[in-house]
């Protein structure tokens, strides 16, 4: 058995949860916050059998798209002001960061 932890953008979460549910994957949805953009993310915990991991990863890949977003940089607090760019910049966001972990035991009470 494996535990898949997928950190995705909030915009992709409902679509992904629905797609996983259609294929009978059970998910637990957690609110999380990214460290770089300081924006809300969703972390999904998906438990599945070893042979279903690739199917789950394909669903995640198909439903979490990359997109460009304009981001206003955070002003430096005590850092080097020479490298500070005071206007918004484009960054690529979206997609998924996925961890596949072995599950030693699974209990349900």
N, C-alpha and C. Protein backbone atom coordinates (compact mmCIF):
# COMPACT_ATOMS: atom_id res chain seq x y z
N UNK A 1 0.85 -1.18 0.00
CA UNK A 1 0.00 0.00 0.00
C UNK A 1 0.89 1.23 0.00
N UNK A 2 0.40 2.29 -0.64
CA UNK A 2 1.13 3.56 -0.73
C UNK A 2 0.25 4.72 -0.28
N UNK A 3 0.89 5.77 0.18
CA UNK A 3 0.23 7.04 0.46
C UNK A 3 0.80 8.06 -0.50
N UNK A 4 -0.07 8.63 -1.31
CA UNK A 4 0.33 9.69 -2.25
C UNK A 4 -0.04 11.01 -1.61
N UNK A 5 0.94 11.90 -1.47
CA UNK A 5 0.67 13.26 -0.99
C UNK A 5 0.94 14.19 -2.15
N UNK A 6 -0.09 14.91 -2.59
CA UNK A 6 0.02 15.80 -3.74
C UNK A 6 -0.29 17.22 -3.29
N UNK A 7 0.67 18.12 -3.47
CA UNK A 7 0.48 19.53 -3.17
C UNK A 7 0.14 20.21 -4.49
N UNK A 8 -1.06 20.79 -4.56
CA UNK A 8 -1.55 21.37 -5.80
C UNK A 8 -2.08 22.77 -5.54
N UNK A 9 -2.31 23.51 -6.61
CA UNK A 9 -2.87 24.85 -6.47
C UNK A 9 -4.36 24.74 -6.19
N UNK A 10 -4.89 25.65 -5.37
CA UNK A 10 -6.31 25.63 -5.01
C UNK A 10 -7.21 25.58 -6.24
N UNK A 11 -6.82 26.26 -7.32
CA UNK A 11 -7.64 26.32 -8.52
C UNK A 11 -7.86 24.95 -9.14
N UNK A 12 -6.95 24.01 -8.91
CA UNK A 12 -7.04 22.68 -9.49
C UNK A 12 -7.70 21.66 -8.56
N UNK A 13 -7.95 22.03 -7.31
CA UNK A 13 -8.33 21.03 -6.31
C UNK A 13 -9.68 20.38 -6.58
N UNK A 14 -10.72 21.15 -6.87
CA UNK A 14 -12.04 20.54 -7.07
C UNK A 14 -12.05 19.62 -8.28
N UNK A 15 -11.43 20.06 -9.36
CA UNK A 15 -11.38 19.23 -10.57
C UNK A 15 -10.65 17.92 -10.29
N UNK A 16 -9.53 18.00 -9.58
CA UNK A 16 -8.76 16.80 -9.28
C UNK A 16 -9.50 15.86 -8.34
N UNK A 17 -10.09 16.39 -7.29
CA UNK A 17 -10.83 15.55 -6.34
C UNK A 17 -11.97 14.83 -7.05
N UNK A 18 -12.68 15.53 -7.93
CA UNK A 18 -13.77 14.90 -8.69
C UNK A 18 -13.24 13.80 -9.61
N UNK A 19 -12.14 14.07 -10.31
CA UNK A 19 -11.57 13.07 -11.22
C UNK A 19 -11.09 11.83 -10.45
N UNK A 20 -10.46 12.03 -9.31
CA UNK A 20 -10.03 10.90 -8.49
C UNK A 20 -11.23 10.11 -7.97
N UNK A 21 -12.27 10.82 -7.56
CA UNK A 21 -13.49 10.16 -7.06
C UNK A 21 -14.17 9.32 -8.12
N UNK A 22 -14.15 9.78 -9.37
CA UNK A 22 -14.75 9.01 -10.46
C UNK A 22 -14.06 7.67 -10.66
N UNK A 23 -12.79 7.58 -10.30
CA UNK A 23 -12.02 6.33 -10.42
C UNK A 23 -11.90 5.61 -9.08
N UNK A 24 -12.74 5.99 -8.11
CA UNK A 24 -12.83 5.34 -6.79
C UNK A 24 -11.58 5.51 -5.92
N UNK A 25 -10.83 6.58 -6.12
CA UNK A 25 -9.74 6.89 -5.20
C UNK A 25 -10.32 7.71 -4.06
N UNK A 26 -10.02 7.31 -2.85
CA UNK A 26 -10.46 8.04 -1.66
C UNK A 26 -9.40 9.08 -1.32
N UNK A 27 -9.83 10.31 -1.09
CA UNK A 27 -8.87 11.39 -0.81
C UNK A 27 -9.24 12.13 0.46
N UNK A 28 -8.23 12.65 1.10
CA UNK A 28 -8.41 13.58 2.21
C UNK A 28 -7.78 14.89 1.77
N UNK A 29 -8.54 15.96 1.88
CA UNK A 29 -8.13 17.28 1.39
C UNK A 29 -7.73 18.15 2.58
N UNK A 30 -6.51 18.71 2.51
CA UNK A 30 -6.00 19.58 3.57
C UNK A 30 -5.64 20.94 2.99
N UNK A 31 -5.95 21.99 3.72
CA UNK A 31 -5.53 23.33 3.31
C UNK A 31 -4.07 23.50 3.71
N UNK A 32 -3.28 24.07 2.80
CA UNK A 32 -1.87 24.32 3.09
C UNK A 32 -1.46 25.65 2.46
N UNK A 33 -0.29 26.11 2.81
CA UNK A 33 0.22 27.37 2.28
C UNK A 33 1.61 27.16 1.73
N UNK A 34 1.82 27.67 0.50
CA UNK A 34 3.13 27.53 -0.13
C UNK A 34 4.14 28.49 0.47
N UNK A 35 5.38 28.10 0.48
CA UNK A 35 6.44 28.91 1.06
C UNK A 35 6.94 30.01 0.15
N UNK A 36 6.88 29.81 -1.18
CA UNK A 36 7.44 30.79 -2.10
C UNK A 36 6.47 31.94 -2.35
N UNK A 37 5.25 31.63 -2.80
CA UNK A 37 4.28 32.69 -3.12
C UNK A 37 3.41 33.07 -1.93
N UNK A 38 3.50 32.32 -0.85
CA UNK A 38 2.71 32.57 0.36
C UNK A 38 1.22 32.55 0.05
N UNK A 39 0.81 31.68 -0.90
CA UNK A 39 -0.59 31.57 -1.29
C UNK A 39 -1.13 30.22 -0.84
N UNK A 40 -2.46 30.14 -0.79
CA UNK A 40 -3.10 28.90 -0.41
C UNK A 40 -2.87 27.80 -1.42
N UNK A 41 -2.61 26.62 -0.92
CA UNK A 41 -2.50 25.41 -1.72
C UNK A 41 -3.46 24.40 -1.14
N UNK A 42 -3.59 23.28 -1.81
CA UNK A 42 -4.33 22.15 -1.29
C UNK A 42 -3.38 20.97 -1.28
N UNK A 43 -3.36 20.25 -0.18
CA UNK A 43 -2.60 19.01 -0.10
C UNK A 43 -3.59 17.86 -0.03
N UNK A 44 -3.47 16.93 -0.96
CA UNK A 44 -4.34 15.76 -0.98
C UNK A 44 -3.56 14.56 -0.48
N UNK A 45 -4.19 13.77 0.38
CA UNK A 45 -3.64 12.50 0.83
C UNK A 45 -4.49 11.41 0.19
N UNK A 46 -3.84 10.53 -0.58
CA UNK A 46 -4.54 9.51 -1.33
C UNK A 46 -3.91 8.16 -0.97
N UNK A 47 -4.68 7.30 -0.37
CA UNK A 47 -4.20 5.96 -0.07
C UNK A 47 -4.62 5.01 -1.17
N UNK A 48 -3.69 4.19 -1.65
CA UNK A 48 -4.04 3.25 -2.71
C UNK A 48 -3.11 2.05 -2.70
N UNK A 49 -3.53 1.00 -3.39
CA UNK A 49 -2.70 -0.18 -3.54
C UNK A 49 -1.54 0.12 -4.49
N UNK A 50 -0.47 -0.61 -4.36
CA UNK A 50 0.73 -0.37 -5.17
C UNK A 50 0.45 -0.33 -6.66
N UNK A 51 -0.39 -1.24 -7.14
CA UNK A 51 -0.66 -1.31 -8.58
C UNK A 51 -1.52 -0.17 -9.09
N UNK A 52 -2.11 0.63 -8.20
CA UNK A 52 -2.95 1.76 -8.62
C UNK A 52 -2.21 3.11 -8.61
N UNK A 53 -0.96 3.11 -8.17
CA UNK A 53 -0.20 4.36 -8.05
C UNK A 53 -0.08 5.06 -9.40
N UNK A 54 0.29 4.33 -10.44
CA UNK A 54 0.45 4.96 -11.76
C UNK A 54 -0.85 5.56 -12.27
N UNK A 55 -1.99 4.90 -12.02
CA UNK A 55 -3.29 5.45 -12.43
C UNK A 55 -3.57 6.77 -11.70
N UNK A 56 -3.30 6.79 -10.40
CA UNK A 56 -3.51 8.01 -9.62
C UNK A 56 -2.61 9.13 -10.11
N UNK A 57 -1.34 8.81 -10.39
CA UNK A 57 -0.41 9.84 -10.87
C UNK A 57 -0.84 10.39 -12.23
N UNK A 58 -1.37 9.54 -13.10
CA UNK A 58 -1.87 10.01 -14.40
C UNK A 58 -3.04 10.97 -14.22
N UNK A 59 -3.94 10.68 -13.29
CA UNK A 59 -5.08 11.56 -13.03
C UNK A 59 -4.59 12.90 -12.49
N UNK A 60 -3.62 12.87 -11.58
CA UNK A 60 -3.06 14.11 -11.04
C UNK A 60 -2.43 14.93 -12.15
N UNK A 61 -1.63 14.28 -12.99
CA UNK A 61 -0.95 14.97 -14.08
C UNK A 61 -1.95 15.60 -15.05
N UNK A 62 -3.04 14.90 -15.34
CA UNK A 62 -4.04 15.38 -16.30
C UNK A 62 -4.88 16.53 -15.76
N UNK A 63 -4.94 16.71 -14.45
CA UNK A 63 -5.85 17.70 -13.87
C UNK A 63 -5.17 18.86 -13.16
N UNK A 64 -3.85 18.91 -13.18
CA UNK A 64 -3.12 19.99 -12.53
C UNK A 64 -2.25 20.68 -13.56
N UNK A 65 -2.73 21.79 -14.08
CA UNK A 65 -2.04 22.44 -15.18
C UNK A 65 -1.09 23.53 -14.69
N UNK A 66 -0.05 23.76 -15.49
CA UNK A 66 0.87 24.88 -15.23
C UNK A 66 0.27 26.13 -15.87
N UNK A 67 0.49 27.27 -15.24
CA UNK A 67 0.03 28.55 -15.78
C UNK A 67 0.98 29.64 -15.32
N UNK A 68 0.97 30.74 -16.03
CA UNK A 68 1.80 31.87 -15.60
C UNK A 68 0.94 32.83 -14.79
N UNK A 69 1.54 33.46 -13.80
CA UNK A 69 0.83 34.37 -12.92
C UNK A 69 1.74 35.55 -12.61
N UNK A 70 1.16 36.73 -12.58
CA UNK A 70 1.91 37.92 -12.19
C UNK A 70 1.96 37.97 -10.66
N UNK A 71 3.14 38.17 -10.13
CA UNK A 71 3.34 38.19 -8.68
C UNK A 71 4.05 39.47 -8.29
N UNK A 72 3.49 40.16 -7.31
CA UNK A 72 4.15 41.34 -6.76
C UNK A 72 5.20 40.88 -5.77
N UNK A 73 6.45 41.21 -5.98
CA UNK A 73 7.50 40.74 -5.06
C UNK A 73 7.34 41.34 -3.67
N UNK A 74 7.79 40.59 -2.69
CA UNK A 74 7.76 41.05 -1.31
C UNK A 74 8.96 41.96 -1.10
N UNK A 75 8.74 43.11 -0.48
CA UNK A 75 9.85 44.03 -0.27
C UNK A 75 10.86 43.44 0.70
N UNK A 76 12.13 43.73 0.49
CA UNK A 76 13.16 43.16 1.37
C UNK A 76 13.09 43.78 2.77
N UNK A 77 13.17 42.93 3.74
CA UNK A 77 13.18 43.39 5.13
C UNK A 77 14.58 43.14 5.68
N UNK A 78 15.42 44.14 5.58
CA UNK A 78 16.78 43.99 6.08
C UNK A 78 17.70 43.26 5.11
N UNK A 79 17.18 42.93 3.91
CA UNK A 79 18.02 42.24 2.93
C UNK A 79 18.69 43.25 2.02
N UNK A 80 19.31 42.76 0.99
CA UNK A 80 20.00 43.61 0.04
C UNK A 80 19.00 44.25 -0.92
N UNK A 81 18.83 45.55 -0.86
CA UNK A 81 17.86 46.26 -1.70
C UNK A 81 18.31 46.35 -3.15
N UNK A 82 19.58 46.05 -3.45
CA UNK A 82 20.07 46.11 -4.82
C UNK A 82 19.38 45.10 -5.73
N UNK A 83 19.01 43.95 -5.19
CA UNK A 83 18.39 42.91 -6.01
C UNK A 83 16.86 42.98 -5.99
N UNK A 84 16.30 43.92 -5.29
CA UNK A 84 14.84 44.05 -5.19
C UNK A 84 14.27 44.64 -6.47
N UNK A 85 13.28 43.96 -7.06
CA UNK A 85 12.60 44.45 -8.27
C UNK A 85 11.21 44.92 -7.84
N UNK A 86 10.94 46.23 -7.91
CA UNK A 86 9.69 46.75 -7.34
C UNK A 86 8.45 46.55 -8.20
N UNK A 87 8.54 45.86 -9.33
CA UNK A 87 7.35 45.66 -10.15
C UNK A 87 7.02 44.17 -10.24
N UNK A 88 5.75 43.86 -10.53
CA UNK A 88 5.34 42.45 -10.62
C UNK A 88 6.14 41.69 -11.68
N UNK A 89 6.34 40.42 -11.43
CA UNK A 89 7.05 39.54 -12.35
C UNK A 89 6.17 38.33 -12.64
N UNK A 90 6.39 37.71 -13.82
CA UNK A 90 5.67 36.49 -14.18
C UNK A 90 6.39 35.29 -13.61
N UNK A 91 5.63 34.40 -12.97
CA UNK A 91 6.19 33.14 -12.49
C UNK A 91 5.27 32.01 -12.94
N UNK A 92 5.84 30.83 -13.11
CA UNK A 92 5.04 29.67 -13.46
C UNK A 92 4.51 29.04 -12.18
N UNK A 93 3.20 28.83 -12.14
CA UNK A 93 2.56 28.22 -10.98
C UNK A 93 1.75 27.02 -11.45
N UNK A 94 1.23 26.28 -10.53
CA UNK A 94 0.39 25.13 -10.87
C UNK A 94 1.20 23.85 -10.95
N UNK A 95 0.58 22.88 -11.58
CA UNK A 95 1.20 21.56 -11.60
C UNK A 95 0.98 20.90 -10.25
N UNK A 96 1.80 19.97 -9.93
CA UNK A 96 1.67 19.25 -8.66
C UNK A 96 3.05 18.84 -8.17
N UNK A 97 3.22 18.88 -6.87
CA UNK A 97 4.39 18.31 -6.22
C UNK A 97 3.88 17.07 -5.50
N UNK A 98 4.41 15.90 -5.88
CA UNK A 98 3.84 14.64 -5.41
C UNK A 98 4.89 13.80 -4.69
N UNK A 99 4.49 13.25 -3.56
CA UNK A 99 5.32 12.32 -2.80
C UNK A 99 4.58 11.00 -2.74
N UNK A 100 5.27 9.90 -3.02
CA UNK A 100 4.69 8.56 -2.90
C UNK A 100 5.44 7.86 -1.77
N UNK A 101 4.70 7.52 -0.72
CA UNK A 101 5.31 6.96 0.50
C UNK A 101 4.79 5.56 0.76
N UNK A 102 5.64 4.67 1.24
CA UNK A 102 5.16 3.34 1.62
C UNK A 102 4.34 3.42 2.90
N UNK A 103 3.32 2.59 2.99
CA UNK A 103 2.48 2.54 4.19
C UNK A 103 2.77 1.23 4.90
N UNK A 104 3.24 1.33 6.12
CA UNK A 104 3.58 0.14 6.88
C UNK A 104 2.32 -0.58 7.36
N UNK A 105 1.33 0.19 7.81
CA UNK A 105 0.06 -0.42 8.21
C UNK A 105 -1.05 0.60 8.03
N UNK A 106 -2.27 0.09 7.88
CA UNK A 106 -3.45 0.93 7.71
C UNK A 106 -4.52 0.40 8.65
N UNK A 107 -5.00 1.28 9.50
CA UNK A 107 -6.04 0.90 10.46
C UNK A 107 -7.22 1.85 10.31
N UNK A 108 -8.42 1.30 10.43
CA UNK A 108 -9.61 2.16 10.37
C UNK A 108 -10.54 1.73 11.51
N UNK A 109 -10.88 2.68 12.39
CA UNK A 109 -11.71 2.37 13.54
C UNK A 109 -13.08 2.98 13.39
